[in-house]
Amino acid sequence: MLFPCAVDWQGKGVSFEIYSEKRDLISSSSFVIHCESRDDDLGGHIVVQGSLYSFKFSPSVWGTTLFHCAVEREGKGLSFEMYNENRDLIGRCEKICLWKVRPDGVAGFAEHWDNPDLYFPWTR
């Protein structure tokens, strides 16, 4: 399943949604995600297959918004830049960013692309 990260140009900000698809993560019933920026720690959240975790934020006027997320599933984990304003705001996520949790890691898709342009493998 893909996770939209939508940019709203009317000042409503960016939203991030993440969930797992049962057919991709057959042996796991859930994963844990913890996202934070320099200013906001969103805490840890358990995401059960088929459920949704989302949050919304506004990019900074200085172009410095950066959200890191850590994901753990079945003793494996990874950390990745869920949102980097320099990378994502212009050209990559003008309306929507898509992410997919896969058995081998997390893949990111630029808007209107079928193949991932970002990939973060399980590292621990």
PDB file of N, CA and C in Angstrom:
ATOM      1  N   MET A   1       0.845  -1.160   0.000  1.00  0.00           N
ATOM      2  CA  MET A   1       0.000   0.000   0.000  1.00  0.00           C
ATOM      3  C   MET A   1       0.894   1.226   0.000  1.00  0.00           C
ATOM      4  N   LEU A   2       0.433   2.297  -0.577  1.00  0.00           N
ATOM      5  CA  LEU A   2       1.196   3.525  -0.656  1.00  0.00           C
ATOM      6  C   LEU A   2       0.727   4.494   0.402  1.00  0.00           C
ATOM      7  N   PHE A   3       1.635   5.364   0.816  1.00  0.00           N
ATOM      8  CA  PHE A   3       1.325   6.340   1.845  1.00  0.00           C
ATOM      9  C   PHE A   3       1.401   7.726   1.256  1.00  0.00           C
ATOM     10  N   PRO A   4       0.311   8.441   1.177  1.00  0.00           N
ATOM     11  CA  PRO A   4       0.379   9.778   0.634  1.00  0.00           C
ATOM     12  C   PRO A   4       0.960  10.772   1.628  1.00  0.00           C
ATOM     13  N   CYS A   5       1.765  11.661   1.147  1.00  0.00           N
ATOM     14  CA  CYS A   5       2.286  12.790   1.897  1.00  0.00           C
ATOM     15  C   CYS A   5       1.931  13.994   1.052  1.00  0.00           C
ATOM     16  N   ALA A   6       0.830  14.645   1.345  1.00  0.00           N
ATOM     17  CA  ALA A   6       0.281  15.646   0.438  1.00  0.00           C
ATOM     18  C   ALA A   6       0.677  17.056   0.837  1.00  0.00           C
ATOM     19  N   VAL A   7       1.086  17.845  -0.124  1.00  0.00           N
ATOM     20  CA  VAL A   7       1.412  19.244   0.106  1.00  0.00           C
ATOM     21  C   VAL A   7       0.208  20.081  -0.300  1.00  0.00           C
ATOM     22  N   ASP A   8      -0.240  20.943   0.591  1.00  0.00           N
ATOM     23  CA  ASP A   8      -1.371  21.812   0.322  1.00  0.00           C
ATOM     24  C   ASP A   8      -0.827  23.222   0.143  1.00  0.00           C
ATOM     25  N   TRP A   9      -0.924  23.769  -1.044  1.00  0.00           N
ATOM     26  CA  TRP A   9      -0.347  25.076  -1.344  1.00  0.00           C
ATOM     27  C   TRP A   9      -1.184  26.219  -0.795  1.00  0.00           C
ATOM     28  N   GLN A  10      -2.328  25.975  -0.190  1.00  0.00           N
ATOM     29  CA  GLN A  10      -3.123  27.040   0.402  1.00  0.00           C
ATOM     30  C   GLN A  10      -2.766  27.252   1.877  1.00  0.00           C
ATOM     31  N   GLY A  11      -1.595  26.838   2.279  1.00  0.00           N
ATOM     32  CA  GLY A  11      -1.135  27.087   3.646  1.00  0.00           C
ATOM     33  C   GLY A  11      -1.609  26.068   4.658  1.00  0.00           C
ATOM     34  N   LYS A  12      -2.211  24.991   4.230  1.00  0.00           N
ATOM     35  CA  LYS A  12      -2.694  23.979   5.161  1.00  0.00           C
ATOM     36  C   LYS A  12      -1.619  22.967   5.507  1.00  0.00           C
ATOM     37  N   GLY A  13      -0.476  23.008   4.841  1.00  0.00           N
ATOM     38  CA  GLY A  13       0.654  22.184   5.224  1.00  0.00           C
ATOM     39  C   GLY A  13       0.755  20.861   4.495  1.00  0.00           C
ATOM     40  N   VAL A  14       1.529  19.986   5.105  1.00  0.00           N
ATOM     41  CA  VAL A  14       1.852  18.678   4.558  1.00  0.00           C
ATOM     42  C   VAL A  14       1.265  17.623   5.480  1.00  0.00           C
ATOM     43  N   SER A  15       0.646  16.589   4.907  1.00  0.00           N
ATOM     44  CA  SER A  15       0.163  15.487   5.731  1.00  0.00           C
ATOM     45  C   SER A  15       0.900  14.219   5.334  1.00  0.00           C
ATOM     46  N   PHE A  16       1.085  13.358   6.296  1.00  0.00           N
ATOM     47  CA  PHE A  16       1.798  12.103   6.096  1.00  0.00           C
ATOM     48  C   PHE A  16       0.902  10.987   6.594  1.00  0.00           C
ATOM     49  N   GLU A  17       0.750   9.943   5.807  1.00  0.00           N
ATOM     50  CA  GLU A  17      -0.048   8.784   6.191  1.00  0.00           C
ATOM     51  C   GLU A  17       0.769   7.534   5.941  1.00  0.00           C
ATOM     52  N   ILE A  18       0.695   6.595   6.870  1.00  0.00           N
ATOM     53  CA  ILE A  18       1.442   5.343   6.712  1.00  0.00           C
ATOM     54  C   ILE A  18       0.602   4.178   7.222  1.00  0.00           C
ATOM     55  N   TYR A  19       0.629   3.098   6.476  1.00  0.00           N
ATOM     56  CA  TYR A  19      -0.026   1.867   6.913  1.00  0.00           C
ATOM     57  C   TYR A  19       0.596   0.691   6.187  1.00  0.00           C
ATOM     58  N   SER A  20       0.328  -0.506   6.676  1.00  0.00           N
ATOM     59  CA  SER A  20       0.868  -1.709   6.048  1.00  0.00           C
ATOM     60  C   SER A  20      -0.238  -2.431   5.298  1.00  0.00           C
ATOM     61  N   GLU A  21       0.162  -3.142   4.274  1.00  0.00           N
ATOM     62  CA  GLU A  21      -0.779  -3.947   3.503  1.00  0.00           C
ATOM     63  C   GLU A  21      -0.572  -5.404   3.882  1.00  0.00           C
ATOM     64  N   LYS A  22      -1.620  -6.105   4.234  1.00  0.00           N
ATOM     65  CA  LYS A  22      -1.497  -7.480   4.727  1.00  0.00           C
ATOM     66  C   LYS A  22      -0.756  -8.395   3.772  1.00  0.00           C
ATOM     67  N   ARG A  23      -0.966  -8.248   2.487  1.00  0.00           N
ATOM     68  CA  ARG A  23      -0.311  -9.167   1.548  1.00  0.00           C
ATOM     69  C   ARG A  23       1.192  -8.915   1.455  1.00  0.00           C
ATOM     70  N   ASP A  24       1.665  -7.710   1.809  1.00  0.00           N
ATOM     71  CA  ASP A  24       3.090  -7.411   1.781  1.00  0.00           C
ATOM     72  C   ASP A  24       3.808  -7.837   3.062  1.00  0.00           C
ATOM     73  N   LEU A  25       3.111  -7.801   4.177  1.00  0.00           N
ATOM     74  CA  LEU A  25       3.731  -8.102   5.469  1.00  0.00           C
ATOM     75  C   LEU A  25       2.967  -9.238   6.136  1.00  0.00           C
ATOM     76  N   ILE A  26       2.972 -10.383   5.513  1.00  0.00           N
ATOM     77  CA  ILE A  26       2.151 -11.517   5.923  1.00  0.00           C
ATOM     78  C   ILE A  26       2.419 -11.956   7.358  1.00  0.00           C
ATOM     79  N   SER A  27       3.690 -12.016   7.766  1.00  0.00           N
ATOM     80  CA  SER A  27       4.005 -12.576   9.072  1.00  0.00           C
ATOM     81  C   SER A  27       3.901 -11.564  10.207  1.00  0.00           C
ATOM     82  N   SER A  28       3.660 -10.310   9.924  1.00  0.00           N
ATOM     83  CA  SER A  28       3.609  -9.299  10.970  1.00  0.00           C
ATOM     84  C   SER A  28       2.213  -8.711  11.073  1.00  0.00           C
ATOM     85  N   SER A  29       1.732  -8.588  12.303  1.00  0.00           N
ATOM     86  CA  SER A  29       0.429  -7.977  12.477  1.00  0.00           C
ATOM     87  C   SER A  29       0.544  -6.479  12.732  1.00  0.00           C
ATOM     88  N   SER A  30       1.744  -5.970  12.992  1.00  0.00           N
ATOM     89  CA  SER A  30       1.895  -4.544  13.261  1.00  0.00           C
ATOM     90  C   SER A  30       3.351  -4.113  13.119  1.00  0.00           C
ATOM     91  N   PHE A  31       3.554  -2.792  13.101  1.00  0.00           N
ATOM     92  CA  PHE A  31       4.889  -2.230  13.211  1.00  0.00           C
ATOM     93  C   PHE A  31       4.792  -0.982  14.065  1.00  0.00           C
ATOM     94  N   VAL A  32       5.936  -0.497  14.529  1.00  0.00           N
ATOM     95  CA  VAL A  32       5.992   0.696  15.367  1.00  0.00           C
ATOM     96  C   VAL A  32       6.690   1.789  14.576  1.00  0.00           C
ATOM     97  N   ILE A  33       6.149   3.004  14.627  1.00  0.00           N
ATOM     98  CA  ILE A  33       6.774   4.153  13.974  1.00  0.00           C
ATOM     99  C   ILE A  33       6.893   5.290  14.979  1.00  0.00           C
ATOM    100  N   HIS A  34       8.019   5.983  14.914  1.00  0.00           N
ATOM    101  CA  HIS A  34       8.273   7.140  15.771  1.00  0.00           C
ATOM    102  C   HIS A  34       8.862   8.230  14.887  1.00  0.00           C
ATOM    103  N   CYS A  35       8.156   9.349  14.767  1.00  0.00           N
ATOM    104  CA  CYS A  35       8.603  10.448  13.917  1.00  0.00           C
ATOM    105  C   CYS A  35       8.863  11.690  14.759  1.00  0.00           C
ATOM    106  N   GLU A  36       9.871  12.467  14.322  1.00  0.00           N
ATOM    107  CA  GLU A  36      10.187  13.709  15.017  1.00  0.00           C
ATOM    108  C   GLU A  36      10.927  14.669  14.099  1.00  0.00           C
ATOM    109  N   SER A  37      10.789  15.940  14.419  1.00  0.00           N
ATOM    110  CA  SER A  37      11.567  17.002  13.781  1.00  0.00           C
ATOM    111  C   SER A  37      12.390  17.654  14.885  1.00  0.00           C
ATOM    112  N   ARG A  38      13.098  18.708  14.543  1.00  0.00           N
ATOM    113  CA  ARG A  38      13.861  19.407  15.569  1.00  0.00           C
ATOM    114  C   ARG A  38      12.933  19.987  16.638  1.00  0.00           C
ATOM    115  N   ASP A  39      11.721  20.376  16.242  1.00  0.00           N
ATOM    116  CA  ASP A  39      10.791  21.042  17.153  1.00  0.00           C
ATOM    117  C   ASP A  39       9.682  20.152  17.706  1.00  0.00           C
ATOM    118  N   ASP A  40       9.379  19.060  17.047  1.00  0.00           N
ATOM    119  CA  ASP A  40       8.230  18.233  17.433  1.00  0.00           C
ATOM    120  C   ASP A  40       8.603  16.761  17.514  1.00  0.00           C
ATOM    121  N   ASP A  41       8.352  16.149  18.668  1.00  0.00           N
ATOM    122  CA  ASP A  41       8.495  14.703  18.834  1.00  0.00           C
ATOM    123  C   ASP A  41       7.088  14.127  18.894  1.00  0.00           C
ATOM    124  N   LEU A  42       6.725  13.362  17.876  1.00  0.00           N
ATOM    125  CA  LEU A  42       5.359  12.839  17.777  1.00  0.00           C
ATOM    126  C   LEU A  42       5.155  11.546  18.545  1.00  0.00           C
ATOM    127  N   GLY A  43       6.219  11.006  19.137  1.00  0.00           N
ATOM    128  CA  GLY A  43       6.104   9.793  19.938  1.00  0.00           C
ATOM    129  C   GLY A  43       5.976   8.541  19.098  1.00  0.00           C
ATOM    130  N   GLY A  44       5.982   7.412  19.768  1.00  0.00           N
ATOM    131  CA  GLY A  44       5.858   6.124  19.100  1.00  0.00           C
ATOM    132  C   GLY A  44       4.408   5.722  18.919  1.00  0.00           C
ATOM    133  N   HIS A  45       4.127   5.054  17.814  1.00  0.00           N
ATOM    134  CA  HIS A  45       2.771   4.613  17.508  1.00  0.00           C
ATOM    135  C   HIS A  45       2.818   3.209  16.921  1.00  0.00           C
ATOM    136  N   ILE A  46       1.933   2.346  17.400  1.00  0.00           N
ATOM    137  CA  ILE A  46       1.788   1.004  16.848  1.00  0.00           C
ATOM    138  C   ILE A  46       0.793   1.076  15.699  1.00  0.00           C
ATOM    139  N   VAL A  47       1.191   0.571  14.543  1.00  0.00           N
ATOM    140  CA  VAL A  47       0.320   0.570  13.366  1.00  0.00           C
ATOM    141  C   VAL A  47       0.001  -0.883  13.034  1.00  0.00           C
ATOM    142  N   VAL A  48      -1.243  -1.274  13.268  1.00  0.00           N
ATOM    143  CA  VAL A  48      -1.713  -2.622  12.980  1.00  0.00           C
ATOM    144  C   VAL A  48      -2.037  -2.702  11.498  1.00  0.00           C
ATOM    145  N   GLN A  49      -1.782  -3.850  10.898  1.00  0.00           N
ATOM    146  CA  GLN A  49      -2.070  -4.011   9.469  1.00  0.00           C
ATOM    147  C   GLN A  49      -3.476  -3.536   9.146  1.00  0.00           C
ATOM    148  N   GLY A  50      -3.558  -2.746   8.100  1.00  0.00           N
ATOM    149  CA  GLY A  50      -4.844  -2.229   7.675  1.00  0.00           C
ATOM    150  C   GLY A  50      -5.258  -0.949   8.376  1.00  0.00           C
ATOM    151  N   SER A  51      -4.570  -0.566   9.484  1.00  0.00           N
ATOM    152  CA  SER A  51      -4.896   0.694  10.146  1.00  0.00           C
ATOM    153  C   SER A  51      -3.995   1.795   9.604  1.00  0.00           C
ATOM    154  N   LEU A  52      -4.218   3.013  10.035  1.00  0.00           N
ATOM    155  CA  LEU A  52      -3.550   4.171   9.470  1.00  0.00           C
ATOM    156  C   LEU A  52      -2.971   5.033  10.580  1.00  0.00           C
ATOM    157  N   TYR A  53      -1.764   5.538  10.378  1.00  0.00           N
ATOM    158  CA  TYR A  53      -1.179   6.555  11.241  1.00  0.00           C
ATOM    159  C   TYR A  53      -0.913   7.771  10.376  1.00  0.00           C
ATOM    160  N   SER A  54      -1.315   8.940  10.838  1.00  0.00           N
ATOM    161  CA  SER A  54      -1.090  10.145  10.053  1.00  0.00           C
ATOM    162  C   SER A  54      -0.807  11.328  10.969  1.00  0.00           C
ATOM    163  N   PHE A  55      -0.139  12.324  10.407  1.00  0.00           N
ATOM    164  CA  PHE A  55       0.038  13.606  11.069  1.00  0.00           C
ATOM    165  C   PHE A  55       0.183  14.672  10.004  1.00  0.00           C
ATOM    166  N   LYS A  56       0.028  15.926  10.435  1.00  0.00           N
ATOM    167  CA  LYS A  56       0.081  17.041   9.499  1.00  0.00           C
ATOM    168  C   LYS A  56       0.997  18.113  10.077  1.00  0.00           C
ATOM    169  N   PHE A  57       1.729  18.806   9.202  1.00  0.00           N
ATOM    170  CA  PHE A  57       2.612  19.883   9.636  1.00  0.00           C
ATOM    171  C   PHE A  57       2.724  20.909   8.521  1.00  0.00           C
ATOM    172  N   SER A  58       3.216  22.081   8.864  1.00  0.00           N
ATOM    173  CA  SER A  58       3.450  23.127   7.877  1.00  0.00           C
ATOM    174  C   SER A  58       4.942  23.287   7.676  1.00  0.00           C
ATOM    175  N   PRO A  59       5.416  23.265   6.435  1.00  0.00           N
ATOM    176  CA  PRO A  59       6.834  23.505   6.177  1.00  0.00           C
ATOM    177  C   PRO A  59       7.235  24.897   6.657  1.00  0.00           C
ATOM    178  N   SER A  60       8.477  25.050   7.062  1.00  0.00           N
ATOM    179  CA  SER A  60       8.959  26.341   7.555  1.00  0.00           C
ATOM    180  C   SER A  60       9.113  27.335   6.411  1.00  0.00           C
ATOM    181  N   VAL A  61       9.063  28.591   6.730  1.00  0.00           N
ATOM    182  CA  VAL A  61       9.264  29.627   5.718  1.00  0.00           C
ATOM    183  C   VAL A  61      10.728  29.711   5.304  1.00  0.00           C
ATOM    184  N   TRP A  62      11.632  29.112   6.090  1.00  0.00           N
ATOM    185  CA  TRP A  62      13.065  29.130   5.803  1.00  0.00           C
ATOM    186  C   TRP A  62      13.518  27.930   4.976  1.00  0.00           C
ATOM    187  N   GLY A  63      12.626  26.989   4.679  1.00  0.00           N
ATOM    188  CA  GLY A  63      12.991  25.825   3.868  1.00  0.00           C
ATOM    189  C   GLY A  63      13.808  24.789   4.610  1.00  0.00           C
ATOM    190  N   THR A  64      13.619  24.690   5.919  1.00  0.00           N
ATOM    191  CA  THR A  64      14.451  23.792   6.726  1.00  0.00           C
ATOM    192  C   THR A  64      13.687  22.645   7.376  1.00  0.00           C
ATOM    193  N   THR A  65      12.424  22.437   7.031  1.00  0.00           N
ATOM    194  CA  THR A  65      11.627  21.382   7.668  1.00  0.00           C
ATOM    195  C   THR A  65      12.215  20.009   7.340  1.00  0.00           C
ATOM    196  N   LEU A  66      12.421  19.216   8.389  1.00  0.00           N
ATOM    197  CA  LEU A  66      12.996  17.884   8.256  1.00  0.00           C
ATOM    198  C   LEU A  66      12.350  16.981   9.301  1.00  0.00           C
ATOM    199  N   PHE A  67      11.681  15.924   8.859  1.00  0.00           N
ATOM    200  CA  PHE A  67      11.110  14.921   9.758  1.00  0.00           C
ATOM    201  C   PHE A  67      11.828  13.598   9.551  1.00  0.00           C
ATOM    202  N   HIS A  68      12.317  13.037  10.632  1.00  0.00           N
ATOM    203  CA  HIS A  68      12.912  11.699  10.631  1.00  0.00           C
ATOM    204  C   HIS A  68      11.903  10.740  11.231  1.00  0.00           C
ATOM    205  N   CYS A  69      11.843   9.534  10.698  1.00  0.00           N
ATOM    206  CA  CYS A  69      10.993   8.495  11.270  1.00  0.00           C
ATOM    207  C   CYS A  69      11.818   7.230  11.466  1.00  0.00           C
ATOM    208  N   ALA A  70      11.539   6.527  12.540  1.00  0.00           N
ATOM    209  CA  ALA A  70      12.125   5.212  12.796  1.00  0.00           C
ATOM    210  C   ALA A  70      10.986   4.205  12.766  1.00  0.00           C
ATOM    211  N   VAL A  71      11.210   3.097  12.067  1.00  0.00           N
ATOM    212  CA  VAL A  71      10.202   2.046  11.948  1.00  0.00           C
ATOM    213  C   VAL A  71      10.812   0.747  12.449  1.00  0.00           C
ATOM    214  N   GLU A  72      10.065   0.002  13.259  1.00  0.00           N
ATOM    215  CA  GLU A  72      10.497  -1.311  13.732  1.00  0.00           C
ATOM    216  C   GLU A  72       9.418  -2.329  13.439  1.00  0.00           C
ATOM    217  N   ARG A  73       9.860  -3.498  12.937  1.00  0.00           N
ATOM    218  CA  ARG A  73       8.931  -4.581  12.609  1.00  0.00           C
ATOM    219  C   ARG A  73       9.669  -5.905  12.754  1.00  0.00           C
ATOM    220  N   GLU A  74       9.141  -6.794  13.563  1.00  0.00           N
ATOM    221  CA  GLU A  74       9.690  -8.144  13.740  1.00  0.00           C
ATOM    222  C   GLU A  74      11.188  -8.141  14.027  1.00  0.00           C
ATOM    223  N   GLY A  75      11.637  -7.269  14.924  1.00  0.00           N
ATOM    224  CA  GLY A  75      13.044  -7.216  15.302  1.00  0.00           C
ATOM    225  C   GLY A  75      13.941  -6.508  14.304  1.00  0.00           C
ATOM    226  N   LYS A  76      13.378  -6.015  13.202  1.00  0.00           N
ATOM    227  CA  LYS A  76      14.129  -5.244  12.213  1.00  0.00           C
ATOM    228  C   LYS A  76      13.739  -3.777  12.365  1.00  0.00           C
ATOM    229  N   GLY A  77      14.629  -2.908  11.925  1.00  0.00           N
ATOM    230  CA  GLY A  77      14.316  -1.494  12.029  1.00  0.00           C
ATOM    231  C   GLY A  77      15.058  -0.677  11.002  1.00  0.00           C
ATOM    232  N   LEU A  78      14.635   0.567  10.882  1.00  0.00           N
ATOM    233  CA  LEU A  78      15.319   1.519  10.023  1.00  0.00           C
ATOM    234  C   LEU A  78      14.906   2.913  10.424  1.00  0.00           C
ATOM    235  N   SER A  79      15.746   3.871  10.075  1.00  0.00           N
ATOM    236  CA  SER A  79      15.444   5.286  10.249  1.00  0.00           C
ATOM    237  C   SER A  79      15.579   5.947   8.889  1.00  0.00           C
ATOM    238  N   PHE A  80      14.711   6.899   8.603  1.00  0.00           N
ATOM    239  CA  PHE A  80      14.764   7.558   7.307  1.00  0.00           C
ATOM    240  C   PHE A  80      14.212   8.966   7.403  1.00  0.00           C
ATOM    241  N   GLU A  81      14.563   9.804   6.425  1.00  0.00           N
ATOM    242  CA  GLU A  81      14.001  11.137   6.323  1.00  0.00           C
ATOM    243  C   GLU A  81      12.655  11.022   5.627  1.00  0.00           C
ATOM    244  N   MET A  82      11.608  11.092   6.419  1.00  0.00           N
ATOM    245  CA  MET A  82      10.260  11.020   5.867  1.00  0.00           C
ATOM    246  C   MET A  82       9.975  12.265   5.043  1.00  0.00           C
ATOM    247  N   TYR A  83      10.456  13.412   5.505  1.00  0.00           N
ATOM    248  CA  TYR A  83      10.245  14.656   4.774  1.00  0.00           C
ATOM    249  C   TYR A  83      11.472  15.540   4.932  1.00  0.00           C
ATOM    250  N   ASN A  84      12.046  15.955   3.832  1.00  0.00           N
ATOM    251  CA  ASN A  84      13.154  16.899   3.793  1.00  0.00           C
ATOM    252  C   ASN A  84      12.703  17.999   2.838  1.00  0.00           C
ATOM    253  N   GLU A  85      12.449  19.169   3.384  1.00  0.00           N
ATOM    254  CA  GLU A  85      11.870  20.241   2.574  1.00  0.00           C
ATOM    255  C   GLU A  85      12.707  20.558   1.337  1.00  0.00           C
ATOM    256  N   ASN A  86      14.033  20.534   1.466  1.00  0.00           N
ATOM    257  CA  ASN A  86      14.892  20.791   0.305  1.00  0.00           C
ATOM    258  C   ASN A  86      14.697  19.754  -0.787  1.00  0.00           C
ATOM    259  N   ARG A  87      14.449  18.511  -0.408  1.00  0.00           N
ATOM    260  CA  ARG A  87      14.273  17.414  -1.370  1.00  0.00           C
ATOM    261  C   ARG A  87      12.841  17.329  -1.880  1.00  0.00           C
ATOM    262  N   ASP A  88      11.859  17.567  -1.012  1.00  0.00           N
ATOM    263  CA  ASP A  88      10.483  17.176  -1.304  1.00  0.00           C
ATOM    264  C   ASP A  88       9.523  18.279  -1.724  1.00  0.00           C
ATOM    265  N   LEU A  89       9.733  19.505  -1.286  1.00  0.00           N
ATOM    266  CA  LEU A  89       8.714  20.534  -1.506  1.00  0.00           C
ATOM    267  C   LEU A  89       8.561  20.919  -2.974  1.00  0.00           C
ATOM    268  N   ILE A  90       9.656  21.098  -3.688  1.00  0.00           N
ATOM    269  CA  ILE A  90       9.585  21.520  -5.083  1.00  0.00           C
ATOM    270  C   ILE A  90       9.987  20.357  -5.993  1.00  0.00           C
ATOM    271  N   GLY A  91       9.086  19.930  -6.843  1.00  0.00           N
ATOM    272  CA  GLY A  91       9.392  18.919  -7.845  1.00  0.00           C
ATOM    273  C   GLY A  91       9.118  17.477  -7.451  1.00  0.00           C
ATOM    274  N   ARG A  92       9.195  17.127  -6.193  1.00  0.00           N
ATOM    275  CA  ARG A  92       8.987  15.733  -5.796  1.00  0.00           C
ATOM    276  C   ARG A  92       7.605  15.519  -5.199  1.00  0.00           C
ATOM    277  N   CYS A  93       7.194  16.409  -4.350  1.00  0.00           N
ATOM    278  CA  CYS A  93       5.910  16.266  -3.641  1.00  0.00           C
ATOM    279  C   CYS A  93       5.093  17.539  -3.758  1.00  0.00           C
ATOM    280  N   GLU A  94       4.894  17.994  -4.958  1.00  0.00           N
ATOM    281  CA  GLU A  94       4.132  19.227  -5.114  1.00  0.00           C
ATOM    282  C   GLU A  94       2.682  19.062  -4.664  1.00  0.00           C
ATOM    283  N   LYS A  95       2.112  17.883  -4.867  1.00  0.00           N
ATOM    284  CA  LYS A  95       0.753  17.617  -4.393  1.00  0.00           C
ATOM    285  C   LYS A  95       0.703  16.400  -3.486  1.00  0.00           C
ATOM    286  N   ILE A  96       1.491  15.365  -3.809  1.00  0.00           N
ATOM    287  CA  ILE A  96       1.421  14.139  -3.006  1.00  0.00           C
ATOM    288  C   ILE A  96       2.731  13.347  -3.119  1.00  0.00           C
ATOM    289  N   CYS A  97       3.179  12.817  -1.989  1.00  0.00           N
ATOM    290  CA  CYS A  97       4.312  11.885  -1.942  1.00  0.00           C
ATOM    291  C   CYS A  97       3.764  10.518  -1.551  1.00  0.00           C
ATOM    292  N   LEU A  98       4.329   9.482  -2.079  1.00  0.00           N
ATOM    293  CA  LEU A  98       3.851   8.138  -1.768  1.00  0.00           C
ATOM    294  C   LEU A  98       4.983   7.319  -1.165  1.00  0.00           C
ATOM    295  N   TRP A  99       4.704   6.587  -0.088  1.00  0.00           N
ATOM    296  CA  TRP A  99       5.662   5.711   0.595  1.00  0.00           C
ATOM    297  C   TRP A  99       5.039   4.330   0.738  1.00  0.00           C
ATOM    298  N   LYS A 100       5.861   3.318   0.702  1.00  0.00           N
ATOM    299  CA  LYS A 100       5.363   1.953   0.862  1.00  0.00           C
ATOM    300  C   LYS A 100       6.293   1.181   1.799  1.00  0.00           C
ATOM    301  N   VAL A 101       5.724   0.598   2.855  1.00  0.00           N
ATOM    302  CA  VAL A 101       6.473  -0.305   3.729  1.00  0.00           C
ATOM    303  C   VAL A 101       6.467  -1.664   3.055  1.00  0.00           C
ATOM    304  N   ARG A 102       7.666  -2.211   2.836  1.00  0.00           N
ATOM    305  CA  ARG A 102       7.803  -3.494   2.147  1.00  0.00           C
ATOM    306  C   ARG A 102       8.564  -4.468   3.037  1.00  0.00           C
ATOM    307  N   PRO A 103       8.545  -5.738   2.710  1.00  0.00           N
ATOM    308  CA  PRO A 103       9.293  -6.708   3.524  1.00  0.00           C
ATOM    309  C   PRO A 103      10.785  -6.406   3.586  1.00  0.00           C
ATOM    310  N   ASP A 104      11.328  -5.669   2.595  1.00  0.00           N
ATOM    311  CA  ASP A 104      12.764  -5.369   2.585  1.00  0.00           C
ATOM    312  C   ASP A 104      13.085  -3.946   3.036  1.00  0.00           C
ATOM    313  N   GLY A 105      12.089  -3.126   3.362  1.00  0.00           N
ATOM    314  CA  GLY A 105      12.330  -1.767   3.833  1.00  0.00           C
ATOM    315  C   GLY A 105      11.199  -0.831   3.463  1.00  0.00           C
ATOM    316  N   VAL A 106      11.525   0.447   3.314  1.00  0.00           N
ATOM    317  CA  VAL A 106      10.543   1.474   2.972  1.00  0.00           C
ATOM    318  C   VAL A 106      10.960   2.119   1.654  1.00  0.00           C
ATOM    319  N   ALA A 107      10.010   2.227   0.724  1.00  0.00           N
ATOM    320  CA  ALA A 107      10.271   2.832  -0.575  1.00  0.00           C
ATOM    321  C   ALA A 107       9.439   4.100  -0.729  1.00  0.00           C
ATOM    322  N   GLY A 108      10.045   5.129  -1.333  1.00  0.00           N
ATOM    323  CA  GLY A 108       9.361   6.390  -1.589  1.00  0.00           C
ATOM    324  C   GLY A 108       9.187   6.603  -3.082  1.00  0.00           C
ATOM    325  N   PHE A 109       8.052   7.145  -3.453  1.00  0.00           N
ATOM    326  CA  PHE A 109       7.716   7.356  -4.858  1.00  0.00           C
ATOM    327  C   PHE A 109       7.472   8.841  -5.112  1.00  0.00           C
ATOM    328  N   ALA A 110       8.171   9.401  -6.094  1.00  0.00           N
ATOM    329  CA  ALA A 110       7.904  10.779  -6.497  1.00  0.00           C
ATOM    330  C   ALA A 110       6.527  10.824  -7.148  1.00  0.00           C
ATOM    331  N   GLU A 111       5.925  11.983  -7.099  1.00  0.00           N
ATOM    332  CA  GLU A 111       4.606  12.157  -7.678  1.00  0.00           C
ATOM    333  C   GLU A 111       4.592  11.743  -9.146  1.00  0.00           C
ATOM    334  N   HIS A 112       3.593  10.956  -9.517  1.00  0.00           N
ATOM    335  CA  HIS A 112       3.372  10.489 -10.891  1.00  0.00           C
ATOM    336  C   HIS A 112       4.392   9.453 -11.370  1.00  0.00           C
ATOM    337  N   TRP A 113       5.124   8.807 -10.475  1.00  0.00           N
ATOM    338  CA  TRP A 113       6.074   7.768 -10.874  1.00  0.00           C
ATOM    339  C   TRP A 113       5.626   6.432 -10.321  1.00  0.00           C
ATOM    340  N   ASP A 114       5.771   5.376 -11.116  1.00  0.00           N
ATOM    341  CA  ASP A 114       5.395   4.032 -10.684  1.00  0.00           C
ATOM    342  C   ASP A 114       6.519   3.319  -9.949  1.00  0.00           C
ATOM    343  N   ASN A 115       7.763   3.738 -10.187  1.00  0.00           N
ATOM    344  CA  ASN A 115       8.917   3.107  -9.548  1.00  0.00           C
ATOM    345  C   ASN A 115       9.464   4.003  -8.448  1.00  0.00           C
ATOM    346  N   PRO A 116       9.957   3.399  -7.375  1.00  0.00           N
ATOM    347  CA  PRO A 116      10.469   4.215  -6.264  1.00  0.00           C
ATOM    348  C   PRO A 116      11.711   5.003  -6.663  1.00  0.00           C
ATOM    349  N   ASP A 117      11.801   6.220  -6.131  1.00  0.00           N
ATOM    350  CA  ASP A 117      13.002   7.017  -6.322  1.00  0.00           C
ATOM    351  C   ASP A 117      13.827   7.096  -5.035  1.00  0.00           C
ATOM    352  N   LEU A 118      13.260   6.636  -3.933  1.00  0.00           N
ATOM    353  CA  LEU A 118      13.959   6.559  -2.655  1.00  0.00           C
ATOM    354  C   LEU A 118      13.723   5.167  -2.053  1.00  0.00           C
ATOM    355  N   TYR A 119      14.738   4.658  -1.387  1.00  0.00           N
ATOM    356  CA  TYR A 119      14.608   3.343  -0.764  1.00  0.00           C
ATOM    357  C   TYR A 119      15.448   3.313   0.511  1.00  0.00           C
ATOM    358  N   PHE A 120      14.868   2.829   1.594  1.00  0.00           N
ATOM    359  CA  PHE A 120      15.542   2.700   2.871  1.00  0.00           C
ATOM    360  C   PHE A 120      15.403   1.249   3.336  1.00  0.00           C
ATOM    361  N   PRO A 121      16.480   0.450   3.283  1.00  0.00           N
ATOM    362  CA  PRO A 121      16.395  -0.947   3.695  1.00  0.00           C
ATOM    363  C   PRO A 121      16.405  -1.112   5.216  1.00  0.00           C
ATOM    364  N   TRP A 122      15.876  -2.230   5.684  1.00  0.00           N
ATOM    365  CA  TRP A 122      15.985  -2.546   7.113  1.00  0.00           C
ATOM    366  C   TRP A 122      17.480  -2.612   7.449  1.00  0.00           C
ATOM    367  N   THR A 123      17.883  -1.911   8.492  1.00  0.00           N
ATOM    368  CA  THR A 123      19.302  -1.834   8.848  1.00  0.00           C
ATOM    369  C   THR A 123      19.631  -2.505  10.164  1.00  0.00           C
ATOM    370  N   ARG A 124      18.656  -2.778  10.969  1.00  0.00           N
ATOM    371  CA  ARG A 124      18.919  -3.438  12.261  1.00  0.00           C
ATOM    372  C   ARG A 124      17.825  -4.419  12.566  1.00  0.00           C
TER     373      ARG A 124
END
